[in-house]
Amino acid sequence: MDQNSLSTQTASERRNSSIGIRMTLLYLILYGGFVVLSVFRPGWMGAQAILGLNLAVAYGLGLIIVAVILALVYSQLCRIPRTGEALQDAHTSDRSFGEKGG
C-alpha cells in the first residue's frame, strides 16, 4: 500500500469517527432528557402522551426508533466518500493497476 492510499484511509477513518462521535453526543442528549425527566419530574412520565401511551413508554420507544435511524444514517454517511476522495482512490487504483503490469 502506498503513502497516498494510507493517508486517504486515515482521513476516511477520521471522518467516520467524527460522524460517529457527533451522533453519539446527539443521542446522549436525547437520552439525558429521558433520565432528567425520570429523576426530576417522575409525575410527567405517567402522563398520557400519544396513542394512549404514557410519556415514559412513548419516549422510550422514540429513543429506540431514533437509535435505529441514527445507525442507518451513519451507515450511509460512511459509505459516501468525501469530495475528492473517490477521485483519489480511482487514481491510486489506476496507478496500482499499471504498476502490476495488467
N, C-alpha and C. Protein backbone atom coordinates (compact mmCIF):
# COMPACT_ATOMS: atom_id res chain seq x y z
N MET A 1 0.84 -1.18 0.00
CA MET A 1 0.00 0.00 0.00
C MET A 1 0.89 1.24 0.00
N ASP A 2 0.64 2.19 -0.88
CA ASP A 2 1.47 3.38 -0.93
C ASP A 2 1.00 4.44 0.07
N GLN A 3 1.79 5.48 0.25
CA GLN A 3 1.51 6.53 1.23
C GLN A 3 0.21 7.25 0.96
N ASN A 4 -0.10 7.53 -0.31
CA ASN A 4 -1.33 8.23 -0.67
C ASN A 4 -2.56 7.44 -0.25
N SER A 5 -2.51 6.14 -0.45
CA SER A 5 -3.61 5.28 -0.07
C SER A 5 -3.78 5.25 1.44
N LEU A 6 -2.67 5.23 2.18
CA LEU A 6 -2.74 5.24 3.64
C LEU A 6 -3.32 6.54 4.16
N SER A 7 -2.93 7.68 3.58
CA SER A 7 -3.45 8.95 4.06
C SER A 7 -4.93 9.07 3.74
N THR A 8 -5.39 8.53 2.61
CA THR A 8 -6.81 8.56 2.28
C THR A 8 -7.59 7.70 3.26
N GLN A 9 -7.06 6.53 3.59
CA GLN A 9 -7.73 5.65 4.53
C GLN A 9 -7.81 6.31 5.90
N THR A 10 -6.76 6.93 6.34
CA THR A 10 -6.74 7.60 7.63
C THR A 10 -7.74 8.74 7.66
N ALA A 11 -7.81 9.52 6.60
CA ALA A 11 -8.77 10.62 6.53
C ALA A 11 -10.20 10.09 6.57
N SER A 12 -10.44 9.00 5.89
CA SER A 12 -11.77 8.40 5.89
C SER A 12 -12.13 7.88 7.28
N GLU A 13 -11.19 7.27 7.95
CA GLU A 13 -11.44 6.78 9.30
C GLU A 13 -11.71 7.93 10.27
N ARG A 14 -10.95 9.02 10.12
CA ARG A 14 -11.18 10.19 10.98
C ARG A 14 -12.56 10.78 10.74
N ARG A 15 -12.97 10.85 9.47
CA ARG A 15 -14.29 11.39 9.12
C ARG A 15 -15.39 10.51 9.72
N ASN A 16 -15.26 9.20 9.56
CA ASN A 16 -16.26 8.28 10.10
C ASN A 16 -16.33 8.37 11.63
N SER A 17 -15.17 8.49 12.25
CA SER A 17 -15.11 8.62 13.70
C SER A 17 -15.78 9.91 14.16
N SER A 18 -15.53 10.99 13.44
CA SER A 18 -16.14 12.28 13.78
C SER A 18 -17.66 12.22 13.66
N ILE A 19 -18.14 11.60 12.60
CA ILE A 19 -19.59 11.44 12.42
C ILE A 19 -20.16 10.62 13.57
N GLY A 20 -19.50 9.53 13.92
CA GLY A 20 -19.97 8.67 15.00
C GLY A 20 -20.01 9.38 16.34
N ILE A 21 -19.00 10.18 16.61
CA ILE A 21 -18.95 10.92 17.88
C ILE A 21 -20.09 11.93 17.95
N ARG A 22 -20.32 12.66 16.86
CA ARG A 22 -21.41 13.64 16.84
C ARG A 22 -22.77 12.98 17.03
N MET A 23 -22.97 11.87 16.38
CA MET A 23 -24.26 11.17 16.52
C MET A 23 -24.43 10.61 17.93
N THR A 24 -23.35 10.13 18.51
CA THR A 24 -23.41 9.62 19.88
C THR A 24 -23.76 10.75 20.84
N LEU A 25 -23.16 11.91 20.66
CA LEU A 25 -23.48 13.05 21.53
C LEU A 25 -24.93 13.48 21.37
N LEU A 26 -25.45 13.47 20.16
CA LEU A 26 -26.85 13.78 19.92
C LEU A 26 -27.74 12.80 20.67
N TYR A 27 -27.43 11.52 20.57
CA TYR A 27 -28.24 10.50 21.25
C TYR A 27 -28.12 10.65 22.77
N LEU A 28 -26.93 10.97 23.26
CA LEU A 28 -26.76 11.15 24.71
C LEU A 28 -27.61 12.32 25.23
N ILE A 29 -27.74 13.36 24.43
CA ILE A 29 -28.59 14.49 24.83
C ILE A 29 -30.05 14.04 24.92
N LEU A 30 -30.49 13.30 23.91
CA LEU A 30 -31.87 12.80 23.93
C LEU A 30 -32.11 11.86 25.11
N TYR A 31 -31.16 10.96 25.33
CA TYR A 31 -31.28 10.01 26.44
C TYR A 31 -31.19 10.75 27.78
N GLY A 32 -30.32 11.75 27.85
CA GLY A 32 -30.21 12.55 29.07
C GLY A 32 -31.53 13.23 29.41
N GLY A 33 -32.25 13.68 28.39
CA GLY A 33 -33.57 14.26 28.62
C GLY A 33 -34.52 13.27 29.25
N PHE A 34 -34.46 12.02 28.82
CA PHE A 34 -35.29 10.96 29.39
C PHE A 34 -34.94 10.75 30.86
N VAL A 35 -33.65 10.68 31.15
CA VAL A 35 -33.20 10.46 32.52
C VAL A 35 -33.58 11.65 33.41
N VAL A 36 -33.37 12.87 32.92
CA VAL A 36 -33.70 14.06 33.70
C VAL A 36 -35.20 14.10 34.02
N LEU A 37 -36.02 13.80 33.02
CA LEU A 37 -37.46 13.76 33.28
C LEU A 37 -37.82 12.68 34.30
N SER A 38 -37.19 11.53 34.19
CA SER A 38 -37.47 10.43 35.11
C SER A 38 -37.08 10.77 36.54
N VAL A 39 -35.99 11.48 36.70
CA VAL A 39 -35.50 11.79 38.04
C VAL A 39 -36.20 13.00 38.64
N PHE A 40 -36.32 14.08 37.87
CA PHE A 40 -36.81 15.33 38.43
C PHE A 40 -38.30 15.57 38.23
N ARG A 41 -38.92 14.92 37.27
CA ARG A 41 -40.36 15.07 37.03
C ARG A 41 -41.00 13.70 36.79
N PRO A 42 -40.92 12.81 37.78
CA PRO A 42 -41.46 11.46 37.56
C PRO A 42 -42.97 11.47 37.29
N GLY A 43 -43.67 12.45 37.80
CA GLY A 43 -45.10 12.54 37.56
C GLY A 43 -45.42 12.76 36.09
N TRP A 44 -44.57 13.48 35.42
CA TRP A 44 -44.79 13.74 33.99
C TRP A 44 -44.68 12.45 33.17
N MET A 45 -43.84 11.54 33.63
CA MET A 45 -43.63 10.31 32.87
C MET A 45 -44.88 9.44 32.81
N GLY A 46 -45.79 9.62 33.75
CA GLY A 46 -47.03 8.86 33.76
C GLY A 46 -48.14 9.51 32.96
N ALA A 47 -47.91 10.74 32.52
CA ALA A 47 -48.94 11.46 31.76
C ALA A 47 -49.13 10.82 30.39
N GLN A 48 -50.38 10.85 29.93
CA GLN A 48 -50.67 10.29 28.61
C GLN A 48 -50.06 11.17 27.52
N ALA A 49 -49.36 10.54 26.58
CA ALA A 49 -48.66 11.29 25.53
C ALA A 49 -49.34 11.09 24.18
N ILE A 50 -49.08 9.99 23.52
CA ILE A 50 -49.66 9.74 22.20
C ILE A 50 -50.15 8.29 22.11
N LEU A 51 -51.16 8.10 21.32
CA LEU A 51 -51.72 6.77 21.06
C LEU A 51 -52.04 6.00 22.34
N GLY A 52 -52.42 6.71 23.37
CA GLY A 52 -52.78 6.07 24.64
C GLY A 52 -51.59 5.62 25.47
N LEU A 53 -50.40 5.92 25.04
CA LEU A 53 -49.19 5.54 25.78
C LEU A 53 -48.80 6.67 26.72
N ASN A 54 -48.23 6.30 27.87
CA ASN A 54 -47.74 7.35 28.75
C ASN A 54 -46.41 7.88 28.20
N LEU A 55 -45.95 8.99 28.74
CA LEU A 55 -44.76 9.65 28.23
C LEU A 55 -43.52 8.76 28.34
N ALA A 56 -43.42 7.99 29.43
CA ALA A 56 -42.25 7.13 29.62
C ALA A 56 -42.14 6.10 28.50
N VAL A 57 -43.23 5.45 28.17
CA VAL A 57 -43.21 4.43 27.12
C VAL A 57 -43.00 5.08 25.75
N ALA A 58 -43.70 6.18 25.49
CA ALA A 58 -43.56 6.86 24.20
C ALA A 58 -42.13 7.36 24.00
N TYR A 59 -41.56 7.97 25.04
CA TYR A 59 -40.19 8.47 24.96
C TYR A 59 -39.22 7.31 24.76
N GLY A 60 -39.41 6.22 25.50
CA GLY A 60 -38.54 5.05 25.37
C GLY A 60 -38.59 4.46 23.97
N LEU A 61 -39.80 4.31 23.42
CA LEU A 61 -39.92 3.82 22.05
C LEU A 61 -39.29 4.79 21.06
N GLY A 62 -39.47 6.07 21.32
CA GLY A 62 -38.85 7.09 20.47
C GLY A 62 -37.33 6.99 20.48
N LEU A 63 -36.75 6.72 21.65
CA LEU A 63 -35.31 6.56 21.75
C LEU A 63 -34.82 5.36 20.93
N ILE A 64 -35.58 4.28 20.97
CA ILE A 64 -35.21 3.10 20.18
C ILE A 64 -35.28 3.41 18.69
N ILE A 65 -36.34 4.07 18.28
CA ILE A 65 -36.51 4.42 16.86
C ILE A 65 -35.40 5.37 16.41
N VAL A 66 -35.08 6.36 17.24
CA VAL A 66 -34.01 7.31 16.90
C VAL A 66 -32.67 6.58 16.79
N ALA A 67 -32.42 5.62 17.68
CA ALA A 67 -31.16 4.86 17.62
C ALA A 67 -31.04 4.10 16.31
N VAL A 68 -32.12 3.48 15.88
CA VAL A 68 -32.10 2.74 14.61
C VAL A 68 -31.89 3.69 13.44
N ILE A 69 -32.58 4.83 13.46
CA ILE A 69 -32.42 5.82 12.39
C ILE A 69 -30.99 6.35 12.34
N LEU A 70 -30.43 6.66 13.50
CA LEU A 70 -29.04 7.14 13.53
C LEU A 70 -28.07 6.09 13.01
N ALA A 71 -28.31 4.83 13.32
CA ALA A 71 -27.44 3.76 12.83
C ALA A 71 -27.52 3.67 11.30
N LEU A 72 -28.72 3.78 10.75
CA LEU A 72 -28.88 3.73 9.29
C LEU A 72 -28.22 4.94 8.62
N VAL A 73 -28.40 6.11 9.21
CA VAL A 73 -27.79 7.32 8.65
C VAL A 73 -26.27 7.22 8.71
N TYR A 74 -25.75 6.74 9.84
CA TYR A 74 -24.30 6.58 9.98
C TYR A 74 -23.76 5.61 8.92
N SER A 75 -24.47 4.52 8.74
CA SER A 75 -24.06 3.54 7.74
C SER A 75 -23.99 4.16 6.34
N GLN A 76 -24.97 4.95 6.00
CA GLN A 76 -24.99 5.59 4.69
C GLN A 76 -23.89 6.66 4.57
N LEU A 77 -23.71 7.45 5.61
CA LEU A 77 -22.70 8.50 5.56
C LEU A 77 -21.28 7.92 5.46
N CYS A 78 -21.06 6.78 6.06
CA CYS A 78 -19.73 6.16 5.99
C CYS A 78 -19.47 5.54 4.63
N ARG A 79 -20.49 5.25 3.87
CA ARG A 79 -20.31 4.70 2.52
C ARG A 79 -19.98 5.78 1.51
N ILE A 80 -20.47 6.99 1.73
CA ILE A 80 -20.30 8.08 0.78
C ILE A 80 -18.94 8.73 1.02
N PRO A 81 -18.05 8.68 0.04
CA PRO A 81 -16.74 9.32 0.22
C PRO A 81 -16.87 10.83 0.17
N ARG A 82 -15.95 11.50 0.84
CA ARG A 82 -15.90 12.96 0.75
C ARG A 82 -15.55 13.36 -0.65
N THR A 83 -15.84 14.60 -1.00
CA THR A 83 -15.50 15.10 -2.32
C THR A 83 -14.00 14.98 -2.53
N GLY A 84 -13.62 14.40 -3.64
CA GLY A 84 -12.21 14.24 -3.96
C GLY A 84 -11.64 12.91 -3.52
N GLU A 85 -12.22 12.28 -2.48
CA GLU A 85 -11.71 11.00 -2.00
C GLU A 85 -11.88 9.92 -3.05
N ALA A 86 -13.05 9.90 -3.69
CA ALA A 86 -13.31 8.87 -4.70
C ALA A 86 -12.37 9.06 -5.88
N LEU A 87 -12.09 10.30 -6.23
CA LEU A 87 -11.18 10.56 -7.33
C LEU A 87 -9.77 10.10 -6.99
N GLN A 88 -9.34 10.35 -5.75
CA GLN A 88 -8.02 9.92 -5.32
C GLN A 88 -7.92 8.40 -5.35
N ASP A 89 -8.96 7.73 -4.84
CA ASP A 89 -8.97 6.28 -4.82
C ASP A 89 -8.90 5.72 -6.23
N ALA A 90 -9.66 6.29 -7.14
CA ALA A 90 -9.67 5.82 -8.53
C ALA A 90 -8.31 6.03 -9.16
N HIS A 91 -7.72 7.19 -8.92
CA HIS A 91 -6.41 7.49 -9.48
C HIS A 91 -5.36 6.54 -8.92
N THR A 92 -5.42 6.28 -7.62
CA THR A 92 -4.47 5.38 -6.98
C THR A 92 -4.61 3.97 -7.53
N SER A 93 -5.86 3.50 -7.69
CA SER A 93 -6.04 2.14 -8.19
C SER A 93 -5.60 2.03 -9.64
N ASP A 94 -5.76 3.08 -10.44
CA ASP A 94 -5.28 3.07 -11.83
C ASP A 94 -3.77 2.94 -11.86
N ARG A 95 -3.10 3.69 -11.00
CA ARG A 95 -1.65 3.63 -10.94
C ARG A 95 -1.20 2.24 -10.49
N SER A 96 -1.87 1.70 -9.49
CA SER A 96 -1.51 0.37 -8.98
C SER A 96 -1.69 -0.67 -10.07
N PHE A 97 -2.76 -0.53 -10.84
CA PHE A 97 -3.04 -1.48 -11.91
C PHE A 97 -1.94 -1.44 -12.95
N GLY A 98 -1.50 -0.25 -13.31
CA GLY A 98 -0.44 -0.09 -14.31
C GLY A 98 0.89 -0.62 -13.80
N GLU A 99 1.16 -0.48 -12.49
CA GLU A 99 2.42 -0.93 -11.95
C GLU A 99 2.52 -2.46 -11.91
N LYS A 100 1.37 -3.11 -11.80
CA LYS A 100 1.37 -4.56 -11.73
C LYS A 100 1.53 -5.20 -13.10
N GLY A 101 1.48 -4.39 -14.11
CA GLY A 101 1.68 -4.92 -15.45
C GLY A 101 0.43 -5.49 -16.05
N GLY A 102 -0.76 -5.06 -15.53
CA GLY A 102 -2.03 -5.61 -16.00
C GLY A 102 -2.56 -4.91 -17.14
